[in-house]
């Protein structure tokens, strides 16, 4: 008995019957920004000393740090932790080691600008110097600003999408969204303070927090109905 075969429908035709054609895709982006108060202060103070023996230089620096820690911990609203420590040789003209230099840091953090300013002045009188001071939004302040600016950016994206739809007299739907957020930190580098014999007349460090700009960008695609 002979069997007859019938040609199969082209695969491309079969797929085409079940696949709807996509509408026109339009890429859009929108940005938004808001100020956030720099209500957190981070300061780095350091003690530094030279001595002929590594043990002697370590003893001098550690003594200065311990005295500074006692003063800092007595100030309410200020947290402190030890930072980096570094010991290096001092070379004479003969390229032989002539002594040792050690530097050790303390990192202070507070939302109380007056307390930090007072501490910076007092610590400079205690043989420490300022490494740097940075003012930035606290985590809670940054979070609030980021949430608000994200809503602003999404609304701006939706507004641009609506403008495109109205102008072309077409309905649309959002196909894809990408979100990027950032916020600039405002560092305030300070000059190294005068050494011990000149530090008695150090005044309180002036601190003006200012603001950081928190921004968000929303980009994506909308599909216009045909």
C-alpha atoms as a PDB file:
ATOM      1  CA  UNK A   1       0.000   0.000   0.000  1.00  0.00           C
ATOM      2  CA  UNK A   2       1.470   3.378  -1.025  1.00  0.00           C
ATOM      3  CA  UNK A   3       1.428   6.370   1.321  1.00  0.00           C
ATOM      4  CA  UNK A   4       1.229   9.931   0.063  1.00  0.00           C
ATOM      5  CA  UNK A   5       2.883  12.792   1.970  1.00  0.00           C
ATOM      6  CA  UNK A   6       1.593  16.367   2.031  1.00  0.00           C
ATOM      7  CA  UNK A   7       4.028  19.314   2.245  1.00  0.00           C
ATOM      8  CA  UNK A   8       4.178  20.970   5.690  1.00  0.00           C
ATOM      9  CA  UNK A   9       3.288  24.640   6.078  1.00  0.00           C
ATOM     10  CA  UNK A  10       6.344  26.867   6.111  1.00  0.00           C
ATOM     11  CA  UNK A  11       7.541  27.373   9.688  1.00  0.00           C
ATOM     12  CA  UNK A  12       7.867  31.116   9.192  1.00  0.00           C
ATOM     13  CA  UNK A  13       4.223  31.371   8.081  1.00  0.00           C
ATOM     14  CA  UNK A  14       3.021  29.353  11.061  1.00  0.00           C
ATOM     15  CA  UNK A  15       4.924  31.572  13.498  1.00  0.00           C
ATOM     16  CA  UNK A  16       3.695  34.698  11.813  1.00  0.00           C
ATOM     17  CA  UNK A  17       0.067  33.737  12.332  1.00  0.00           C
ATOM     18  CA  UNK A  18       0.543  33.527  16.142  1.00  0.00           C
ATOM     19  CA  UNK A  19       2.816  36.515  16.759  1.00  0.00           C
ATOM     20  CA  UNK A  20       1.414  40.005  17.046  1.00  0.00           C
ATOM     21  CA  UNK A  21       3.500  42.782  15.577  1.00  0.00           C
ATOM     22  CA  UNK A  22       5.000  45.121  18.201  1.00  0.00           C
ATOM     23  CA  UNK A  23       4.148  48.812  18.157  1.00  0.00           C
ATOM     24  CA  UNK A  24       6.605  51.649  17.743  1.00  0.00           C
ATOM     25  CA  UNK A  25       9.155  51.853  20.583  1.00  0.00           C
ATOM     26  CA  UNK A  26      10.278  55.239  21.893  1.00  0.00           C
ATOM     27  CA  UNK A  27      13.217  55.759  24.259  1.00  0.00           C
ATOM     28  CA  UNK A  28      12.831  58.428  26.940  1.00  0.00           C
ATOM     29  CA  UNK A  29      14.710  59.699  29.987  1.00  0.00           C
ATOM     30  CA  UNK A  30      13.963  62.143  32.783  1.00  0.00           C
ATOM     31  CA  UNK A  31      15.984  63.559  35.683  1.00  0.00           C
ATOM     32  CA  UNK A  32      15.166  65.074  39.042  1.00  0.00           C
ATOM     33  CA  UNK A  33      17.192  66.432  41.953  1.00  0.00           C
ATOM     34  CA  UNK A  34      16.598  67.678  45.466  1.00  0.00           C
ATOM     35  CA  UNK A  35      18.862  69.223  48.122  1.00  0.00           C
ATOM     36  CA  UNK A  36      19.691  67.250  51.255  1.00  0.00           C
ATOM     37  CA  UNK A  37      21.125  68.915  54.333  1.00  0.00           C
ATOM     38  CA  UNK A  38      24.714  67.989  55.210  1.00  0.00           C
ATOM     39  CA  UNK A  39      23.772  67.170  58.788  1.00  0.00           C
ATOM     40  CA  UNK A  40      26.585  64.670  59.488  1.00  0.00           C
ATOM     41  CA  UNK A  41      30.207  65.651  60.102  1.00  0.00           C
ATOM     42  CA  UNK A  42      33.164  63.285  59.831  1.00  0.00           C
ATOM     43  CA  UNK A  43      36.574  64.487  60.907  1.00  0.00           C
ATOM     44  CA  UNK A  44      39.962  62.795  60.935  1.00  0.00           C
ATOM     45  CA  UNK A  45      42.514  63.870  63.516  1.00  0.00           C
ATOM     46  CA  UNK A  46      46.022  62.471  63.681  1.00  0.00           C
ATOM     47  CA  UNK A  47      48.932  62.303  66.098  1.00  0.00           C
ATOM     48  CA  UNK A  48      52.449  62.279  64.704  1.00  0.00           C
ATOM     49  CA  UNK A  49      55.870  61.973  66.335  1.00  0.00           C
ATOM     50  CA  UNK A  50      59.522  61.269  65.578  1.00  0.00           C
ATOM     51  CA  UNK A  51      61.980  59.311  67.734  1.00  0.00           C
ATOM     52  CA  UNK A  52      65.212  57.389  67.398  1.00  0.00           C
ATOM     53  CA  UNK A  53      63.606  54.098  68.426  1.00  0.00           C
ATOM     54  CA  UNK A  54      60.340  52.564  67.090  1.00  0.00           C
ATOM     55  CA  UNK A  55      59.198  51.751  70.621  1.00  0.00           C
ATOM     56  CA  UNK A  56      59.727  55.353  71.746  1.00  0.00           C
ATOM     57  CA  UNK A  57      57.799  56.821  68.831  1.00  0.00           C
ATOM     58  CA  UNK A  58      54.928  54.388  69.412  1.00  0.00           C
ATOM     59  CA  UNK A  59      54.813  55.323  73.094  1.00  0.00           C
ATOM     60  CA  UNK A  60      54.628  59.053  72.273  1.00  0.00           C
ATOM     61  CA  UNK A  61      51.861  58.651  69.700  1.00  0.00           C
ATOM     62  CA  UNK A  62      49.822  56.245  71.825  1.00  0.00           C
ATOM     63  CA  UNK A  63      50.019  58.616  74.775  1.00  0.00           C
ATOM     64  CA  UNK A  64      48.663  61.469  72.654  1.00  0.00           C
ATOM     65  CA  UNK A  65      45.876  59.256  71.285  1.00  0.00           C
ATOM     66  CA  UNK A  66      44.839  58.027  74.732  1.00  0.00           C
ATOM     67  CA  UNK A  67      44.583  61.587  76.037  1.00  0.00           C
ATOM     68  CA  UNK A  68      42.560  62.590  72.970  1.00  0.00           C
ATOM     69  CA  UNK A  69      40.221  59.594  73.337  1.00  0.00           C
ATOM     70  CA  UNK A  70      39.527  60.543  76.935  1.00  0.00           C
ATOM     71  CA  UNK A  71      38.444  64.034  75.858  1.00  0.00           C
ATOM     72  CA  UNK A  72      36.397  62.841  72.872  1.00  0.00           C
ATOM     73  CA  UNK A  73      34.492  60.168  74.818  1.00  0.00           C
ATOM     74  CA  UNK A  74      33.512  62.771  77.399  1.00  0.00           C
ATOM     75  CA  UNK A  75      31.737  64.821  74.706  1.00  0.00           C
ATOM     76  CA  UNK A  76      28.093  63.684  74.279  1.00  0.00           C
ATOM     77  CA  UNK A  77      26.852  63.017  70.762  1.00  0.00           C
ATOM     78  CA  UNK A  78      30.271  62.312  69.231  1.00  0.00           C
ATOM     79  CA  UNK A  79      31.437  58.841  68.219  1.00  0.00           C
ATOM     80  CA  UNK A  80      35.069  57.933  67.638  1.00  0.00           C
ATOM     81  CA  UNK A  81      37.088  55.045  66.288  1.00  0.00           C
ATOM     82  CA  UNK A  82      40.760  54.511  65.532  1.00  0.00           C
ATOM     83  CA  UNK A  83      41.872  54.905  61.943  1.00  0.00           C
ATOM     84  CA  UNK A  84      44.999  54.000  60.052  1.00  0.00           C
ATOM     85  CA  UNK A  85      48.444  53.822  61.666  1.00  0.00           C
ATOM     86  CA  UNK A  86      51.730  54.063  59.840  1.00  0.00           C
ATOM     87  CA  UNK A  87      55.353  53.888  60.939  1.00  0.00           C
ATOM     88  CA  UNK A  88      58.180  54.727  58.541  1.00  0.00           C
ATOM     89  CA  UNK A  89      61.964  55.142  58.829  1.00  0.00           C
ATOM     90  CA  UNK A  90      63.698  58.493  58.586  1.00  0.00           C
ATOM     91  CA  UNK A  91      66.861  58.359  56.496  1.00  0.00           C
ATOM     92  CA  UNK A  92      69.941  60.517  57.017  1.00  0.00           C
ATOM     93  CA  UNK A  93      72.104  61.873  54.187  1.00  0.00           C
ATOM     94  CA  UNK A  94      74.124  58.670  54.385  1.00  0.00           C
ATOM     95  CA  UNK A  95      70.976  56.690  53.519  1.00  0.00           C
ATOM     96  CA  UNK A  96      71.090  55.031  56.899  1.00  0.00           C
ATOM     97  CA  UNK A  97      68.067  55.006  59.179  1.00  0.00           C
ATOM     98  CA  UNK A  98      68.335  58.027  61.446  1.00  0.00           C
ATOM     99  CA  UNK A  99      65.020  57.659  63.290  1.00  0.00           C
ATOM    100  CA  UNK A 100      61.367  56.693  63.017  1.00  0.00           C
ATOM    101  CA  UNK A 101      58.175  58.579  62.304  1.00  0.00           C
ATOM    102  CA  UNK A 102      54.717  57.337  63.300  1.00  0.00           C
ATOM    103  CA  UNK A 103      51.293  58.682  62.420  1.00  0.00           C
ATOM    104  CA  UNK A 104      47.996  57.389  63.817  1.00  0.00           C
ATOM    105  CA  UNK A 105      44.457  58.616  63.144  1.00  0.00           C
ATOM    106  CA  UNK A 106      41.216  59.033  65.071  1.00  0.00           C
ATOM    107  CA  UNK A 107      37.948  59.286  63.134  1.00  0.00           C
ATOM    108  CA  UNK A 108      35.196  61.375  64.685  1.00  0.00           C
ATOM    109  CA  UNK A 109      31.535  61.477  63.635  1.00  0.00           C
ATOM    110  CA  UNK A 110      28.638  63.579  64.878  1.00  0.00           C
ATOM    111  CA  UNK A 111      25.515  65.484  63.846  1.00  0.00           C
ATOM    112  CA  UNK A 112      26.407  68.177  66.402  1.00  0.00           C
ATOM    113  CA  UNK A 113      28.476  70.748  64.528  1.00  0.00           C
ATOM    114  CA  UNK A 114      29.222  72.820  67.622  1.00  0.00           C
ATOM    115  CA  UNK A 115      30.516  69.779  69.502  1.00  0.00           C
ATOM    116  CA  UNK A 116      32.810  68.752  66.633  1.00  0.00           C
ATOM    117  CA  UNK A 117      34.111  72.306  66.185  1.00  0.00           C
ATOM    118  CA  UNK A 118      34.930  72.549  69.893  1.00  0.00           C
ATOM    119  CA  UNK A 119      36.678  69.166  69.856  1.00  0.00           C
ATOM    120  CA  UNK A 120      38.778  70.020  66.822  1.00  0.00           C
ATOM    121  CA  UNK A 121      40.055  73.145  68.559  1.00  0.00           C
ATOM    122  CA  UNK A 122      40.767  71.305  71.836  1.00  0.00           C
ATOM    123  CA  UNK A 123      42.499  68.384  70.134  1.00  0.00           C
ATOM    124  CA  UNK A 124      44.807  70.721  68.238  1.00  0.00           C
ATOM    125  CA  UNK A 125      45.906  72.064  71.606  1.00  0.00           C
ATOM    126  CA  UNK A 126      46.705  68.465  72.602  1.00  0.00           C
ATOM    127  CA  UNK A 127      49.338  67.853  69.890  1.00  0.00           C
ATOM    128  CA  UNK A 128      46.865  66.465  67.301  1.00  0.00           C
ATOM    129  CA  UNK A 129      46.257  67.941  63.869  1.00  0.00           C
ATOM    130  CA  UNK A 130      43.343  67.931  61.441  1.00  0.00           C
ATOM    131  CA  UNK A 131      43.582  65.469  58.569  1.00  0.00           C
ATOM    132  CA  UNK A 132      40.291  66.270  56.884  1.00  0.00           C
ATOM    133  CA  UNK A 133      36.694  67.231  57.566  1.00  0.00           C
ATOM    134  CA  UNK A 134      33.773  66.011  55.466  1.00  0.00           C
ATOM    135  CA  UNK A 135      30.160  67.120  55.766  1.00  0.00           C
ATOM    136  CA  UNK A 136      27.447  65.004  54.163  1.00  0.00           C
ATOM    137  CA  UNK A 137      23.822  63.935  54.620  1.00  0.00           C
ATOM    138  CA  UNK A 138      23.225  61.418  57.386  1.00  0.00           C
ATOM    139  CA  UNK A 139      21.836  58.018  56.293  1.00  0.00           C
ATOM    140  CA  UNK A 140      18.267  58.935  57.328  1.00  0.00           C
ATOM    141  CA  UNK A 141      18.409  62.317  55.595  1.00  0.00           C
ATOM    142  CA  UNK A 142      19.857  60.763  52.437  1.00  0.00           C
ATOM    143  CA  UNK A 143      17.205  58.016  52.400  1.00  0.00           C
ATOM    144  CA  UNK A 144      14.362  60.515  52.659  1.00  0.00           C
ATOM    145  CA  UNK A 145      15.817  62.637  49.861  1.00  0.00           C
ATOM    146  CA  UNK A 146      16.438  59.605  47.631  1.00  0.00           C
ATOM    147  CA  UNK A 147      12.868  58.381  48.024  1.00  0.00           C
ATOM    148  CA  UNK A 148      11.434  61.815  47.256  1.00  0.00           C
ATOM    149  CA  UNK A 149      13.661  62.452  44.236  1.00  0.00           C
ATOM    150  CA  UNK A 150      12.919  59.000  42.841  1.00  0.00           C
ATOM    151  CA  UNK A 151       9.212  59.784  42.896  1.00  0.00           C
ATOM    152  CA  UNK A 152       9.945  63.101  41.164  1.00  0.00           C
ATOM    153  CA  UNK A 153      11.954  61.382  38.427  1.00  0.00           C
ATOM    154  CA  UNK A 154       9.296  58.717  37.809  1.00  0.00           C
ATOM    155  CA  UNK A 155       6.580  61.365  37.561  1.00  0.00           C
ATOM    156  CA  UNK A 156       8.763  63.321  35.126  1.00  0.00           C
ATOM    157  CA  UNK A 157       9.199  60.182  32.991  1.00  0.00           C
ATOM    158  CA  UNK A 158       5.452  59.558  33.002  1.00  0.00           C
ATOM    159  CA  UNK A 159       4.847  63.189  32.011  1.00  0.00           C
ATOM    160  CA  UNK A 160       7.194  62.922  29.016  1.00  0.00           C
ATOM    161  CA  UNK A 161       5.598  59.660  27.950  1.00  0.00           C
ATOM    162  CA  UNK A 162       2.154  61.282  28.092  1.00  0.00           C
ATOM    163  CA  UNK A 163       3.384  64.209  25.990  1.00  0.00           C
ATOM    164  CA  UNK A 164       4.620  61.805  23.288  1.00  0.00           C
ATOM    165  CA  UNK A 165       1.313  59.914  23.331  1.00  0.00           C
ATOM    166  CA  UNK A 166      -0.846  63.057  23.118  1.00  0.00           C
ATOM    167  CA  UNK A 167       1.283  64.620  20.408  1.00  0.00           C
ATOM    168  CA  UNK A 168       1.071  61.499  18.210  1.00  0.00           C
ATOM    169  CA  UNK A 169      -2.521  60.779  19.239  1.00  0.00           C
ATOM    170  CA  UNK A 170      -1.636  57.271  20.352  1.00  0.00           C
ATOM    171  CA  UNK A 171      -2.028  55.295  23.538  1.00  0.00           C
ATOM    172  CA  UNK A 172       1.111  53.801  25.049  1.00  0.00           C
ATOM    173  CA  UNK A 173       2.433  51.447  27.677  1.00  0.00           C
ATOM    174  CA  UNK A 174       5.745  51.418  29.494  1.00  0.00           C
ATOM    175  CA  UNK A 175       7.925  48.535  28.355  1.00  0.00           C
ATOM    176  CA  UNK A 176      11.139  49.089  30.330  1.00  0.00           C
ATOM    177  CA  UNK A 177      12.478  51.314  33.106  1.00  0.00           C
ATOM    178  CA  UNK A 178      16.049  51.882  34.331  1.00  0.00           C
ATOM    179  CA  UNK A 179      16.745  53.858  37.496  1.00  0.00           C
ATOM    180  CA  UNK A 180      20.006  55.491  38.546  1.00  0.00           C
ATOM    181  CA  UNK A 181      20.538  57.479  41.724  1.00  0.00           C
ATOM    182  CA  UNK A 182      23.493  59.437  43.002  1.00  0.00           C
ATOM    183  CA  UNK A 183      24.358  62.138  45.468  1.00  0.00           C
ATOM    184  CA  UNK A 184      27.418  64.343  45.678  1.00  0.00           C
ATOM    185  CA  UNK A 185      29.429  64.457  48.906  1.00  0.00           C
ATOM    186  CA  UNK A 186      30.998  67.809  49.791  1.00  0.00           C
ATOM    187  CA  UNK A 187      34.451  67.250  51.322  1.00  0.00           C
ATOM    188  CA  UNK A 188      36.054  70.118  53.215  1.00  0.00           C
ATOM    189  CA  UNK A 189      39.831  69.575  53.301  1.00  0.00           C
ATOM    190  CA  UNK A 190      41.577  71.467  56.051  1.00  0.00           C
ATOM    191  CA  UNK A 191      45.183  72.565  56.323  1.00  0.00           C
ATOM    192  CA  UNK A 192      47.383  70.781  58.844  1.00  0.00           C
ATOM    193  CA  UNK A 193      47.279  72.547  62.184  1.00  0.00           C
ATOM    194  CA  UNK A 194      50.223  74.263  63.798  1.00  0.00           C
ATOM    195  CA  UNK A 195      52.380  72.070  65.984  1.00  0.00           C
ATOM    196  CA  UNK A 196      52.310  71.988  69.762  1.00  0.00           C
ATOM    197  CA  UNK A 197      54.176  75.165  70.546  1.00  0.00           C
ATOM    198  CA  UNK A 198      51.848  77.213  68.297  1.00  0.00           C
ATOM    199  CA  UNK A 199      48.557  75.496  69.045  1.00  0.00           C
ATOM    200  CA  UNK A 200      47.583  77.286  72.248  1.00  0.00           C
ATOM    201  CA  UNK A 201      45.687  80.025  70.399  1.00  0.00           C
ATOM    202  CA  UNK A 202      43.774  77.742  68.016  1.00  0.00           C
ATOM    203  CA  UNK A 203      40.169  78.924  67.621  1.00  0.00           C
ATOM    204  CA  UNK A 204      37.146  76.734  67.023  1.00  0.00           C
ATOM    205  CA  UNK A 205      36.982  75.477  63.431  1.00  0.00           C
ATOM    206  CA  UNK A 206      34.101  77.187  61.561  1.00  0.00           C
ATOM    207  CA  UNK A 207      31.729  74.606  60.054  1.00  0.00           C
ATOM    208  CA  UNK A 208      28.927  75.422  57.639  1.00  0.00           C
ATOM    209  CA  UNK A 209      27.102  72.274  56.555  1.00  0.00           C
ATOM    210  CA  UNK A 210      25.404  73.449  53.376  1.00  0.00           C
ATOM    211  CA  UNK A 211      23.593  70.959  51.183  1.00  0.00           C
ATOM    212  CA  UNK A 212      24.279  68.084  48.799  1.00  0.00           C
ATOM    213  CA  UNK A 213      22.282  67.511  45.643  1.00  0.00           C
ATOM    214  CA  UNK A 214      20.630  64.092  45.484  1.00  0.00           C
ATOM    215  CA  UNK A 215      19.613  63.182  41.932  1.00  0.00           C
ATOM    216  CA  UNK A 216      17.887  60.378  40.095  1.00  0.00           C
ATOM    217  CA  UNK A 217      17.600  59.491  36.408  1.00  0.00           C
ATOM    218  CA  UNK A 218      14.828  57.326  34.997  1.00  0.00           C
ATOM    219  CA  UNK A 219      15.215  56.032  31.448  1.00  0.00           C
ATOM    220  CA  UNK A 220      13.302  53.445  29.509  1.00  0.00           C
ATOM    221  CA  UNK A 221      11.070  52.599  26.590  1.00  0.00           C
ATOM    222  CA  UNK A 222       7.398  53.113  25.854  1.00  0.00           C
ATOM    223  CA  UNK A 223       5.459  51.269  23.168  1.00  0.00           C
ATOM    224  CA  UNK A 224       2.981  53.233  21.081  1.00  0.00           C
ATOM    225  CA  UNK A 225      -0.144  51.444  19.967  1.00  0.00           C
ATOM    226  CA  UNK A 226      -0.580  51.200  16.167  1.00  0.00           C
END
